[in-house]
């Protein structure tokens, strides 16, 4: 369930690569997702966090209010919602762009949960005794620990490198090499000491979520800067500032009024 058709098409393709999965429905917003889930009763739902109408978490909570149902894998560009995903007992939490290997791991976790549900629901099966339930709880606990470990590793990895498009090529740059990123005419331009390219993220918020917030500051609604790559701070009118960056052009970036005080406090101005 995602508000972007291209994202849904890509996810459907990746699920086809995993194998053994029948995609029986899609939805473009939260309300539509609830309707599709109630009507088709799937075993597994892949939900974006940010959708029109209802968020993925609101969809999940309404599903929980209705009793046991489909298991959820959240698929999102933002890593800061992971704890909330664990609180609603999500199977997994995948960061976009989704890596095929991580998707396969998430699907395998979902299969284990679906299997455990079916065993628990079979009252005549000896595996539903105390020992079987303890094994199921242990499996879920191990899954949760594995989720957290993988998410931390993935978050660290994604904060260390970023792919930008330069001409017809994609170049992998280290996050620490990024001097600044700017949003102009709905296109995000990323500048390093050696390259200027475009990022595939839709918004600066999405890009910011991939970077270390203690290093990369949103100094303006259209600009994200690496505070370690500021060459000069130029006083401007109304006690504001212009940042002159360390790129070849010595690009000047304005600091918004809301960020001026934070900059003063940080640099002891």
C-alpha atoms as a PDB file:
ATOM      1  CA  UNK A   1       0.000   0.000   0.000  1.00  0.00           C
ATOM      2  CA  UNK A   2       1.718   3.151  -1.233  1.00  0.00           C
ATOM      3  CA  UNK A   3       0.510   6.441  -2.701  1.00  0.00           C
ATOM      4  CA  UNK A   4       2.972   6.165  -5.609  1.00  0.00           C
ATOM      5  CA  UNK A   5       2.106   3.764  -8.417  1.00  0.00           C
ATOM      6  CA  UNK A   6       5.774   3.438  -9.436  1.00  0.00           C
ATOM      7  CA  UNK A   7       6.719   2.438  -5.894  1.00  0.00           C
ATOM      8  CA  UNK A   8       3.945  -0.189  -5.852  1.00  0.00           C
ATOM      9  CA  UNK A   9       5.033  -1.543  -9.233  1.00  0.00           C
ATOM     10  CA  UNK A  10       8.647  -1.845  -8.080  1.00  0.00           C
ATOM     11  CA  UNK A  11       7.633  -3.593  -4.862  1.00  0.00           C
ATOM     12  CA  UNK A  12       5.409  -5.988  -6.787  1.00  0.00           C
ATOM     13  CA  UNK A  13       8.332  -6.840  -9.062  1.00  0.00           C
ATOM     14  CA  UNK A  14      10.641  -7.455  -6.081  1.00  0.00           C
ATOM     15  CA  UNK A  15       8.027  -9.677  -4.432  1.00  0.00           C
ATOM     16  CA  UNK A  16       7.859 -11.670  -7.648  1.00  0.00           C
ATOM     17  CA  UNK A  17      11.610 -12.203  -7.391  1.00  0.00           C
ATOM     18  CA  UNK A  18      11.216 -13.540  -3.840  1.00  0.00           C
ATOM     19  CA  UNK A  19       8.725 -16.124  -5.091  1.00  0.00           C
ATOM     20  CA  UNK A  20       5.849 -17.969  -3.460  1.00  0.00           C
ATOM     21  CA  UNK A  21       3.776 -14.805  -3.036  1.00  0.00           C
ATOM     22  CA  UNK A  22       0.435 -13.911  -4.614  1.00  0.00           C
ATOM     23  CA  UNK A  23      -0.185 -10.149  -4.758  1.00  0.00           C
ATOM     24  CA  UNK A  24      -3.972  -9.937  -4.483  1.00  0.00           C
ATOM     25  CA  UNK A  25      -4.530  -6.210  -4.078  1.00  0.00           C
ATOM     26  CA  UNK A  26      -3.100  -2.686  -3.996  1.00  0.00           C
ATOM     27  CA  UNK A  27      -4.140   0.661  -2.541  1.00  0.00           C
ATOM     28  CA  UNK A  28      -3.030   4.269  -2.971  1.00  0.00           C
ATOM     29  CA  UNK A  29      -4.146   5.725   0.383  1.00  0.00           C
ATOM     30  CA  UNK A  30      -4.946   4.710   3.956  1.00  0.00           C
ATOM     31  CA  UNK A  31      -8.737   4.503   3.659  1.00  0.00           C
ATOM     32  CA  UNK A  32      -8.486   2.462   0.482  1.00  0.00           C
ATOM     33  CA  UNK A  33      -5.951   0.188   2.182  1.00  0.00           C
ATOM     34  CA  UNK A  34      -8.385  -0.588   5.017  1.00  0.00           C
ATOM     35  CA  UNK A  35     -11.104  -1.400   2.497  1.00  0.00           C
ATOM     36  CA  UNK A  36      -8.856  -3.703   0.456  1.00  0.00           C
ATOM     37  CA  UNK A  37      -7.560  -5.473   3.584  1.00  0.00           C
ATOM     38  CA  UNK A  38     -11.088  -6.050   4.963  1.00  0.00           C
ATOM     39  CA  UNK A  39     -12.329  -7.334   1.628  1.00  0.00           C
ATOM     40  CA  UNK A  40      -9.423  -9.600   0.640  1.00  0.00           C
ATOM     41  CA  UNK A  41      -8.165 -10.685   4.115  1.00  0.00           C
ATOM     42  CA  UNK A  42      -4.486 -11.107   3.125  1.00  0.00           C
ATOM     43  CA  UNK A  43      -1.892 -12.838   5.293  1.00  0.00           C
ATOM     44  CA  UNK A  44       0.614 -10.021   4.794  1.00  0.00           C
ATOM     45  CA  UNK A  45       0.348  -6.278   4.062  1.00  0.00           C
ATOM     46  CA  UNK A  46       3.213  -4.004   3.022  1.00  0.00           C
ATOM     47  CA  UNK A  47       2.436  -0.450   4.143  1.00  0.00           C
ATOM     48  CA  UNK A  48       4.072   2.892   3.499  1.00  0.00           C
ATOM     49  CA  UNK A  49       4.204   5.083   6.614  1.00  0.00           C
ATOM     50  CA  UNK A  50       3.208   8.350   4.967  1.00  0.00           C
ATOM     51  CA  UNK A  51       0.064   8.060   2.865  1.00  0.00           C
ATOM     52  CA  UNK A  52      -2.816  10.436   2.069  1.00  0.00           C
ATOM     53  CA  UNK A  53      -5.726  10.343   4.520  1.00  0.00           C
ATOM     54  CA  UNK A  54      -4.454   7.818   7.061  1.00  0.00           C
ATOM     55  CA  UNK A  55      -0.835   7.037   7.859  1.00  0.00           C
ATOM     56  CA  UNK A  56       0.424   3.476   7.794  1.00  0.00           C
ATOM     57  CA  UNK A  57       0.407   3.419  11.603  1.00  0.00           C
ATOM     58  CA  UNK A  58      -3.221   4.573  11.722  1.00  0.00           C
ATOM     59  CA  UNK A  59      -4.127   1.797   9.306  1.00  0.00           C
ATOM     60  CA  UNK A  60      -2.280  -0.744  11.464  1.00  0.00           C
ATOM     61  CA  UNK A  61      -3.965   0.423  14.687  1.00  0.00           C
ATOM     62  CA  UNK A  62      -7.424   0.216  13.132  1.00  0.00           C
ATOM     63  CA  UNK A  63      -6.586  -3.278  11.995  1.00  0.00           C
ATOM     64  CA  UNK A  64      -5.522  -4.191  15.549  1.00  0.00           C
ATOM     65  CA  UNK A  65      -8.769  -2.762  16.935  1.00  0.00           C
ATOM     66  CA  UNK A  66     -10.627  -5.216  14.717  1.00  0.00           C
ATOM     67  CA  UNK A  67      -8.778  -8.197  16.211  1.00  0.00           C
ATOM     68  CA  UNK A  68      -6.040 -10.467  14.824  1.00  0.00           C
ATOM     69  CA  UNK A  69      -5.551 -10.025  11.113  1.00  0.00           C
ATOM     70  CA  UNK A  70      -2.864  -9.560   8.493  1.00  0.00           C
ATOM     71  CA  UNK A  71       0.763  -9.122   9.464  1.00  0.00           C
ATOM     72  CA  UNK A  72       2.435  -5.831   8.526  1.00  0.00           C
ATOM     73  CA  UNK A  73       5.761  -4.910   6.962  1.00  0.00           C
ATOM     74  CA  UNK A  74       6.342  -1.156   6.856  1.00  0.00           C
ATOM     75  CA  UNK A  75       8.157   0.198   3.800  1.00  0.00           C
ATOM     76  CA  UNK A  76       9.281   3.813   4.118  1.00  0.00           C
ATOM     77  CA  UNK A  77      11.972   6.363   3.352  1.00  0.00           C
ATOM     78  CA  UNK A  78      12.185   7.437   7.003  1.00  0.00           C
ATOM     79  CA  UNK A  79      14.137   5.477   9.609  1.00  0.00           C
ATOM     80  CA  UNK A  80      12.906   7.483  12.622  1.00  0.00           C
ATOM     81  CA  UNK A  81       9.579   5.631  12.813  1.00  0.00           C
ATOM     82  CA  UNK A  82      11.133   2.228  13.560  1.00  0.00           C
ATOM     83  CA  UNK A  83      10.363   2.223  17.304  1.00  0.00           C
ATOM     84  CA  UNK A  84       6.707   2.986  16.607  1.00  0.00           C
ATOM     85  CA  UNK A  85       6.655   0.103  14.126  1.00  0.00           C
ATOM     86  CA  UNK A  86       7.947  -2.263  16.799  1.00  0.00           C
ATOM     87  CA  UNK A  87       5.274  -0.985  19.220  1.00  0.00           C
ATOM     88  CA  UNK A  88       2.501  -2.109  16.870  1.00  0.00           C
ATOM     89  CA  UNK A  89       4.253  -5.470  16.460  1.00  0.00           C
ATOM     90  CA  UNK A  90       5.186  -5.046  12.795  1.00  0.00           C
ATOM     91  CA  UNK A  91       6.940  -7.989  11.170  1.00  0.00           C
ATOM     92  CA  UNK A  92       9.671  -5.740   9.792  1.00  0.00           C
ATOM     93  CA  UNK A  93      10.597  -2.193   8.829  1.00  0.00           C
ATOM     94  CA  UNK A  94      12.224  -1.696   5.424  1.00  0.00           C
ATOM     95  CA  UNK A  95      13.887   1.476   4.202  1.00  0.00           C
ATOM     96  CA  UNK A  96      13.453   2.707   0.639  1.00  0.00           C
ATOM     97  CA  UNK A  97      14.933   2.004  -1.802  1.00  0.00           C
ATOM     98  CA  UNK A  98      14.143  -1.570  -0.801  1.00  0.00           C
ATOM     99  CA  UNK A  99      17.003  -4.013  -1.191  1.00  0.00           C
ATOM    100  CA  UNK A 100      15.925  -7.432  -2.558  1.00  0.00           C
ATOM    101  CA  UNK A 101      17.859  -9.337   0.105  1.00  0.00           C
ATOM    102  CA  UNK A 102      16.233  -7.406   2.962  1.00  0.00           C
ATOM    103  CA  UNK A 103      12.813  -7.914   1.439  1.00  0.00           C
ATOM    104  CA  UNK A 104      13.413 -11.663   1.246  1.00  0.00           C
ATOM    105  CA  UNK A 105      14.388 -11.713   4.946  1.00  0.00           C
ATOM    106  CA  UNK A 106      11.249  -9.748   5.875  1.00  0.00           C
ATOM    107  CA  UNK A 107       9.011 -12.075   3.885  1.00  0.00           C
ATOM    108  CA  UNK A 108      10.582 -15.096   5.573  1.00  0.00           C
ATOM    109  CA  UNK A 109       9.812 -13.550   8.969  1.00  0.00           C
ATOM    110  CA  UNK A 110       6.227 -13.014   7.881  1.00  0.00           C
ATOM    111  CA  UNK A 111       5.950 -16.635   6.767  1.00  0.00           C
ATOM    112  CA  UNK A 112       7.127 -17.792  10.189  1.00  0.00           C
ATOM    113  CA  UNK A 113       4.492 -15.656  11.903  1.00  0.00           C
ATOM    114  CA  UNK A 114       1.702 -16.844   9.622  1.00  0.00           C
ATOM    115  CA  UNK A 115       2.769 -20.431  10.265  1.00  0.00           C
ATOM    116  CA  UNK A 116       2.846 -19.826  14.045  1.00  0.00           C
ATOM    117  CA  UNK A 117      -0.668 -18.339  13.904  1.00  0.00           C
ATOM    118  CA  UNK A 118      -1.998 -21.377  12.112  1.00  0.00           C
ATOM    119  CA  UNK A 119      -0.377 -23.758  14.588  1.00  0.00           C
ATOM    120  CA  UNK A 120      -1.751 -21.777  17.539  1.00  0.00           C
ATOM    121  CA  UNK A 121      -5.204 -21.815  15.969  1.00  0.00           C
ATOM    122  CA  UNK A 122      -5.225 -25.579  15.558  1.00  0.00           C
ATOM    123  CA  UNK A 123      -6.478 -26.743  18.952  1.00  0.00           C
ATOM    124  CA  UNK A 124      -6.090 -30.400  18.036  1.00  0.00           C
ATOM    125  CA  UNK A 125      -2.425 -30.067  17.160  1.00  0.00           C
ATOM    126  CA  UNK A 126       0.000 -31.146  19.878  1.00  0.00           C
ATOM    127  CA  UNK A 127       2.382 -28.362  18.844  1.00  0.00           C
ATOM    128  CA  UNK A 128      -0.069 -25.853  20.318  1.00  0.00           C
ATOM    129  CA  UNK A 129       0.851 -26.975  23.841  1.00  0.00           C
ATOM    130  CA  UNK A 130       2.978 -25.045  26.293  1.00  0.00           C
ATOM    131  CA  UNK A 131       6.276 -26.046  24.731  1.00  0.00           C
ATOM    132  CA  UNK A 132       5.115 -25.020  21.252  1.00  0.00           C
ATOM    133  CA  UNK A 133       3.965 -21.608  22.465  1.00  0.00           C
ATOM    134  CA  UNK A 134       7.246 -21.020  24.274  1.00  0.00           C
ATOM    135  CA  UNK A 135       9.135 -21.811  21.086  1.00  0.00           C
ATOM    136  CA  UNK A 136       6.946 -19.364  19.163  1.00  0.00           C
ATOM    137  CA  UNK A 137       7.584 -16.597  21.722  1.00  0.00           C
ATOM    138  CA  UNK A 138      11.323 -17.275  21.593  1.00  0.00           C
ATOM    139  CA  UNK A 139      11.261 -17.120  17.778  1.00  0.00           C
ATOM    140  CA  UNK A 140       9.433 -13.764  17.817  1.00  0.00           C
ATOM    141  CA  UNK A 141      11.853 -12.352  20.411  1.00  0.00           C
ATOM    142  CA  UNK A 142      14.840 -13.420  18.317  1.00  0.00           C
ATOM    143  CA  UNK A 143      13.193 -11.876  15.260  1.00  0.00           C
ATOM    144  CA  UNK A 144      12.756  -8.570  17.076  1.00  0.00           C
ATOM    145  CA  UNK A 145      16.397  -8.469  18.182  1.00  0.00           C
ATOM    146  CA  UNK A 146      17.501  -9.326  14.667  1.00  0.00           C
ATOM    147  CA  UNK A 147      15.274  -6.538  13.291  1.00  0.00           C
ATOM    148  CA  UNK A 148      16.850  -3.947  15.572  1.00  0.00           C
ATOM    149  CA  UNK A 149      20.393  -5.063  14.753  1.00  0.00           C
ATOM    150  CA  UNK A 150      19.703  -4.990  11.009  1.00  0.00           C
ATOM    151  CA  UNK A 151      18.005  -1.599  11.138  1.00  0.00           C
ATOM    152  CA  UNK A 152      20.903  -0.047  13.070  1.00  0.00           C
ATOM    153  CA  UNK A 153      23.388  -1.493  10.577  1.00  0.00           C
ATOM    154  CA  UNK A 154      21.302  -0.369   7.607  1.00  0.00           C
ATOM    155  CA  UNK A 155      20.844   3.119   9.046  1.00  0.00           C
ATOM    156  CA  UNK A 156      24.585   3.433   9.649  1.00  0.00           C
ATOM    157  CA  UNK A 157      25.366   2.204   6.143  1.00  0.00           C
ATOM    158  CA  UNK A 158      22.951   4.597   4.504  1.00  0.00           C
ATOM    159  CA  UNK A 159      24.286   7.504   6.490  1.00  0.00           C
ATOM    160  CA  UNK A 160      27.774   6.739   5.255  1.00  0.00           C
ATOM    161  CA  UNK A 161      27.072   6.719   1.499  1.00  0.00           C
ATOM    162  CA  UNK A 162      24.679   8.197  -1.020  1.00  0.00           C
ATOM    163  CA  UNK A 163      24.086   7.637  -4.731  1.00  0.00           C
ATOM    164  CA  UNK A 164      23.835  10.741  -6.912  1.00  0.00           C
ATOM    165  CA  UNK A 165      23.264  10.984 -10.634  1.00  0.00           C
ATOM    166  CA  UNK A 166      25.958  12.802 -12.606  1.00  0.00           C
ATOM    167  CA  UNK A 167      25.099  12.839 -16.296  1.00  0.00           C
ATOM    168  CA  UNK A 168      24.193   9.276 -17.240  1.00  0.00           C
ATOM    169  CA  UNK A 169      26.087   7.698 -14.334  1.00  0.00           C
ATOM    170  CA  UNK A 170      25.300   7.065 -10.687  1.00  0.00           C
ATOM    171  CA  UNK A 171      28.177   7.848  -8.357  1.00  0.00           C
ATOM    172  CA  UNK A 172      28.405   6.639  -4.782  1.00  0.00           C
ATOM    173  CA  UNK A 173      29.661   9.393  -2.475  1.00  0.00           C
ATOM    174  CA  UNK A 174      30.430   9.333   1.226  1.00  0.00           C
ATOM    175  CA  UNK A 175      28.038  11.407   3.320  1.00  0.00           C
ATOM    176  CA  UNK A 176      30.974  13.286   4.847  1.00  0.00           C
ATOM    177  CA  UNK A 177      31.934  14.465   1.336  1.00  0.00           C
ATOM    178  CA  UNK A 178      28.609  16.247   0.795  1.00  0.00           C
ATOM    179  CA  UNK A 179      28.954  20.009   1.135  1.00  0.00           C
ATOM    180  CA  UNK A 180      25.309  20.922   0.679  1.00  0.00           C
ATOM    181  CA  UNK A 181      22.062  19.920  -1.034  1.00  0.00           C
ATOM    182  CA  UNK A 182      19.521  22.312  -2.492  1.00  0.00           C
ATOM    183  CA  UNK A 183      15.960  21.930  -3.741  1.00  0.00           C
ATOM    184  CA  UNK A 184      15.374  23.930  -6.925  1.00  0.00           C
ATOM    185  CA  UNK A 185      12.348  23.419  -9.213  1.00  0.00           C
ATOM    186  CA  UNK A 186      11.489  20.126  -7.455  1.00  0.00           C
ATOM    187  CA  UNK A 187      14.980  18.739  -8.155  1.00  0.00           C
ATOM    188  CA  UNK A 188      17.464  18.026  -5.353  1.00  0.00           C
ATOM    189  CA  UNK A 189      21.028  18.945  -6.304  1.00  0.00           C
ATOM    190  CA  UNK A 190      23.854  17.493  -4.207  1.00  0.00           C
ATOM    191  CA  UNK A 191      27.291  19.130  -4.241  1.00  0.00           C
ATOM    192  CA  UNK A 192      30.534  17.524  -3.084  1.00  0.00           C
ATOM    193  CA  UNK A 193      34.135  18.644  -3.517  1.00  0.00           C
ATOM    194  CA  UNK A 194      34.400  16.687  -6.780  1.00  0.00           C
ATOM    195  CA  UNK A 195      30.867  16.173  -8.075  1.00  0.00           C
ATOM    196  CA  UNK A 196      27.576  17.944  -8.594  1.00  0.00           C
ATOM    197  CA  UNK A 197      24.644  15.643  -9.201  1.00  0.00           C
ATOM    198  CA  UNK A 198      20.993  15.016  -8.450  1.00  0.00           C
ATOM    199  CA  UNK A 199      19.479  12.792  -5.773  1.00  0.00           C
ATOM    200  CA  UNK A 200      16.444  10.591  -6.355  1.00  0.00           C
ATOM    201  CA  UNK A 201      14.624  11.685  -3.197  1.00  0.00           C
ATOM    202  CA  UNK A 202      11.362  13.592  -3.588  1.00  0.00           C
ATOM    203  CA  UNK A 203      11.979  16.015  -0.734  1.00  0.00           C
ATOM    204  CA  UNK A 204      14.829  17.371   1.354  1.00  0.00           C
ATOM    205  CA  UNK A 205      13.142  15.751   4.365  1.00  0.00           C
ATOM    206  CA  UNK A 206      13.661  12.322   2.785  1.00  0.00           C
ATOM    207  CA  UNK A 207      17.302  13.084   2.058  1.00  0.00           C
ATOM    208  CA  UNK A 208      17.807  14.518   5.554  1.00  0.00           C
ATOM    209  CA  UNK A 209      16.427  11.294   7.045  1.00  0.00           C
ATOM    210  CA  UNK A 210      19.349   9.449   5.407  1.00  0.00           C
ATOM    211  CA  UNK A 211      22.004  11.711   6.909  1.00  0.00           C
ATOM    212  CA  UNK A 212      23.371  12.409  10.366  1.00  0.00           C
ATOM    213  CA  UNK A 213      21.203  15.255  11.758  1.00  0.00           C
ATOM    214  CA  UNK A 214      24.012  16.428  14.043  1.00  0.00           C
ATOM    215  CA  UNK A 215      26.140  17.192  10.969  1.00  0.00           C
ATOM    216  CA  UNK A 216      23.580  18.091   8.318  1.00  0.00           C
ATOM    217  CA  UNK A 217      21.385  21.059   9.148  1.00  0.00           C
ATOM    218  CA  UNK A 218      18.285  22.237   7.349  1.00  0.00           C
ATOM    219  CA  UNK A 219      19.302  25.910   7.476  1.00  0.00           C
ATOM    220  CA  UNK A 220      16.600  26.924   5.005  1.00  0.00           C
ATOM    221  CA  UNK A 221      13.527  25.241   3.563  1.00  0.00           C
ATOM    222  CA  UNK A 222      15.432  24.824   0.283  1.00  0.00           C
ATOM    223  CA  UNK A 223      18.914  24.076   1.620  1.00  0.00           C
ATOM    224  CA  UNK A 224      20.609  21.356   3.664  1.00  0.00           C
ATOM    225  CA  UNK A 225      24.235  21.964   4.637  1.00  0.00           C
ATOM    226  CA  UNK A 226      27.117  20.037   6.144  1.00  0.00           C
ATOM    227  CA  UNK A 227      28.166  22.270   9.046  1.00  0.00           C
ATOM    228  CA  UNK A 228      31.719  20.963   8.721  1.00  0.00           C
ATOM    229  CA  UNK A 229      31.882  22.348   5.168  1.00  0.00           C
ATOM    230  CA  UNK A 230      31.077  25.983   5.961  1.00  0.00           C
ATOM    231  CA  UNK A 231      33.912  28.230   4.785  1.00  0.00           C
ATOM    232  CA  UNK A 232      32.618  31.579   5.997  1.00  0.00           C
ATOM    233  CA  UNK A 233      29.639  33.073   7.820  1.00  0.00           C
ATOM    234  CA  UNK A 234      28.620  36.440   6.418  1.00  0.00           C
ATOM    235  CA  UNK A 235      26.379  38.738   8.502  1.00  0.00           C
ATOM    236  CA  UNK A 236      23.247  39.764   6.631  1.00  0.00           C
ATOM    237  CA  UNK A 237      20.382  42.170   7.235  1.00  0.00           C
ATOM    238  CA  UNK A 238      18.079  41.789  10.258  1.00  0.00           C
ATOM    239  CA  UNK A 239      20.826  39.891  12.120  1.00  0.00           C
ATOM    240  CA  UNK A 240      20.589  36.956   9.717  1.00  0.00           C
ATOM    241  CA  UNK A 241      23.491  35.197   8.002  1.00  0.00           C
ATOM    242  CA  UNK A 242      24.679  33.904   4.656  1.00  0.00           C
ATOM    243  CA  UNK A 243      26.799  30.755   4.649  1.00  0.00           C
ATOM    244  CA  UNK A 244      29.645  30.621   2.144  1.00  0.00           C
ATOM    245  CA  UNK A 245      30.353  26.958   1.487  1.00  0.00           C
ATOM    246  CA  UNK A 246      33.602  25.135   0.675  1.00  0.00           C
ATOM    247  CA  UNK A 247      32.684  24.125  -2.884  1.00  0.00           C
ATOM    248  CA  UNK A 248      34.570  25.525  -5.896  1.00  0.00           C
ATOM    249  CA  UNK A 249      31.968  28.249  -6.466  1.00  0.00           C
ATOM    250  CA  UNK A 250      31.924  29.269  -2.800  1.00  0.00           C
ATOM    251  CA  UNK A 251      28.133  29.004  -2.997  1.00  0.00           C
ATOM    252  CA  UNK A 252      26.232  31.352  -0.707  1.00  0.00           C
ATOM    253  CA  UNK A 253      23.298  29.838   1.183  1.00  0.00           C
ATOM    254  CA  UNK A 254      20.850  31.880   3.257  1.00  0.00           C
ATOM    255  CA  UNK A 255      20.002  30.928   6.825  1.00  0.00           C
ATOM    256  CA  UNK A 256      16.331  31.189   7.703  1.00  0.00           C
ATOM    257  CA  UNK A 257      15.269  33.252  10.699  1.00  0.00           C
ATOM    258  CA  UNK A 258      14.213  30.124  12.601  1.00  0.00           C
ATOM    259  CA  UNK A 259      17.689  28.565  12.187  1.00  0.00           C
ATOM    260  CA  UNK A 260      19.722  31.704  12.889  1.00  0.00           C
ATOM    261  CA  UNK A 261      19.549  31.336  16.658  1.00  0.00           C
ATOM    262  CA  UNK A 262      20.577  27.675  16.494  1.00  0.00           C
ATOM    263  CA  UNK A 263      23.564  28.643  14.373  1.00  0.00           C
ATOM    264  CA  UNK A 264      24.546  31.419  16.780  1.00  0.00           C
ATOM    265  CA  UNK A 265      24.328  29.071  19.759  1.00  0.00           C
ATOM    266  CA  UNK A 266      26.340  26.352  18.049  1.00  0.00           C
ATOM    267  CA  UNK A 267      29.113  28.641  16.805  1.00  0.00           C
ATOM    268  CA  UNK A 268      29.033  30.952  19.862  1.00  0.00           C
ATOM    269  CA  UNK A 269      28.401  33.996  17.678  1.00  0.00           C
END
